Amino acid sequence: MYAYDGAVPATASQQPAQAGDVFVAFDVEGCAGANADAHTGLTAAGFYLQLDLKHPAYNAVSPVKQPALHDTALAPGRCARGWITFEIPRSLKPQFILFRGRPATAWRVPPK
């Protein structure tokens, strides 16, 4: 994770956030190892956001911040980078962003 934006405004083509919610975005990068195969890749759907232990995890929504992370097949040694957007309650702050890969990876979200 390179950066976190805790208040992303909706673009003209994006539905606004639900009442009481806010869009947040993360600049992430993933790279394929030397033994990557044809199934190795990166997708926004592989990431999720954990607010705390009392609330469910949140999955990525349609991109708001650009350049967005797109579904990408990765050849050995190749990387992909982009922004992933989540919609969460305005009153809560994310604690971790997680990737459902092998191995699973988690990053602590810096306080704002």
Protein backbone atom coordinates (compact mmCIF):
# COMPACT_ATOMS: atom_id res chain seq x y z
CA MET A 1 0.00 0.00 0.00
CA TYR A 2 1.40 3.35 -1.06
CA ALA A 3 -1.32 5.79 -0.03
CA TYR A 4 -4.72 6.16 1.62
CA ASP A 5 -7.35 8.80 0.76
CA GLY A 6 -10.05 8.94 3.43
CA ALA A 7 -12.56 11.18 1.63
CA VAL A 8 -12.83 10.63 -2.13
CA PRO A 9 -15.56 12.66 -3.85
CA ALA A 10 -17.74 10.84 -6.37
CA THR A 11 -16.98 11.64 -10.00
CA ALA A 12 -19.64 12.81 -12.43
CA SER A 13 -20.02 9.24 -13.73
CA GLN A 14 -20.17 7.67 -10.24
CA GLN A 15 -23.21 7.35 -8.01
CA PRO A 16 -22.73 9.38 -4.85
CA ALA A 17 -22.10 7.47 -1.64
CA GLN A 18 -25.16 6.38 0.32
CA ALA A 19 -26.36 8.76 3.04
CA GLY A 20 -23.94 8.51 5.96
CA ASP A 21 -21.23 6.81 3.90
CA VAL A 22 -17.98 8.00 2.34
CA PHE A 23 -15.71 6.68 -0.39
CA VAL A 24 -12.16 5.82 0.69
CA ALA A 25 -9.39 4.69 -1.65
CA PHE A 26 -6.04 2.92 -1.42
CA ASP A 27 -3.12 3.04 -3.86
CA VAL A 28 -1.88 -0.56 -4.01
CA GLU A 29 0.57 -2.62 -6.01
CA GLY A 30 1.02 -6.34 -6.47
CA CYS A 31 3.80 -8.24 -8.20
CA ALA A 32 4.09 -11.78 -9.53
CA GLY A 33 6.91 -13.97 -8.27
CA ALA A 34 9.43 -15.74 -10.46
CA ASN A 35 7.24 -18.88 -10.60
CA ALA A 36 4.00 -17.15 -11.64
CA ASP A 37 1.73 -19.15 -13.92
CA ALA A 38 -1.14 -18.29 -16.27
CA HIS A 39 -3.51 -17.93 -13.29
CA THR A 40 -1.42 -15.28 -11.53
CA GLY A 41 -2.96 -11.84 -11.50
CA LEU A 42 -4.30 -8.95 -9.54
CA THR A 43 -7.89 -7.73 -9.20
CA ALA A 44 -9.66 -5.18 -7.00
CA ALA A 45 -12.01 -8.00 -5.91
CA GLY A 46 -9.03 -9.65 -4.20
CA PHE A 47 -8.87 -6.82 -1.65
CA TYR A 48 -11.17 -6.11 1.28
CA LEU A 49 -11.32 -3.59 4.07
CA GLN A 50 -11.64 -4.40 7.77
CA LEU A 51 -12.94 -1.57 9.95
CA ASP A 52 -12.80 -3.35 13.31
CA LEU A 53 -13.83 -6.65 14.84
CA LYS A 54 -17.44 -5.52 15.38
CA HIS A 55 -18.21 -4.74 11.72
CA PRO A 56 -18.17 -6.91 8.61
CA ALA A 57 -15.45 -6.59 6.01
CA TYR A 58 -16.13 -4.32 3.03
CA ASN A 59 -15.47 -5.31 -0.58
CA ALA A 60 -14.25 -2.93 -3.27
CA VAL A 61 -16.83 -0.91 -5.22
CA SER A 62 -16.68 0.68 -8.67
CA PRO A 63 -13.56 2.82 -8.97
CA VAL A 64 -13.82 6.47 -8.00
CA LYS A 65 -10.16 7.51 -7.76
CA GLN A 66 -7.94 7.19 -10.83
CA PRO A 67 -5.86 5.53 -12.06
CA ALA A 68 -7.89 2.57 -10.85
CA LEU A 69 -6.52 -0.93 -10.38
CA HIS A 70 -7.87 -3.10 -13.19
CA ASP A 71 -8.00 -6.88 -13.46
CA THR A 72 -4.52 -7.76 -14.69
CA ALA A 73 -2.77 -11.01 -15.54
CA LEU A 74 0.81 -10.88 -14.33
CA ALA A 75 3.75 -12.62 -15.98
CA PRO A 76 6.67 -13.60 -13.75
CA GLY A 77 8.32 -10.53 -12.26
CA ARG A 78 5.63 -8.12 -13.50
CA CYS A 79 3.64 -5.71 -11.30
CA ALA A 80 0.35 -3.79 -11.45
CA ARG A 81 -0.59 -0.70 -9.46
CA GLY A 82 -3.74 1.41 -9.03
CA TRP A 83 -6.39 2.80 -6.68
CA ILE A 84 -9.07 0.60 -5.07
CA THR A 85 -12.26 2.25 -3.76
CA PHE A 86 -14.47 1.20 -0.83
CA GLU A 87 -17.71 2.69 0.51
CA ILE A 88 -17.86 2.71 4.31
CA PRO A 89 -19.83 4.47 7.06
CA ARG A 90 -18.51 8.02 7.53
CA SER A 91 -18.32 7.54 11.31
CA LEU A 92 -15.89 4.59 11.09
CA LYS A 93 -12.22 4.46 10.21
CA PRO A 94 -10.62 1.51 8.42
CA GLN A 95 -7.95 -0.36 10.35
CA PHE A 96 -6.67 -2.87 7.79
CA ILE A 97 -6.72 -3.44 4.05
CA LEU A 98 -6.26 -7.10 3.19
CA PHE A 99 -5.45 -9.09 0.05
CA ARG A 100 -6.83 -12.61 -0.44
CA GLY A 101 -3.73 -13.91 -2.19
CA ARG A 102 -1.21 -16.63 -1.52
CA PRO A 103 0.05 -15.62 0.92
CA ALA A 104 -2.73 -13.47 2.33
CA THR A 105 -1.41 -10.01 3.17
CA ALA A 106 -2.63 -7.21 5.46
CA TRP A 107 -1.58 -3.59 5.81
CA ARG A 108 -2.48 -1.37 8.78
CA VAL A 109 -4.20 1.82 7.62
CA PRO A 110 -2.41 4.90 8.94
CA PRO A 111 -4.59 7.10 11.20
CA LYS A 112 -5.81 10.31 9.61
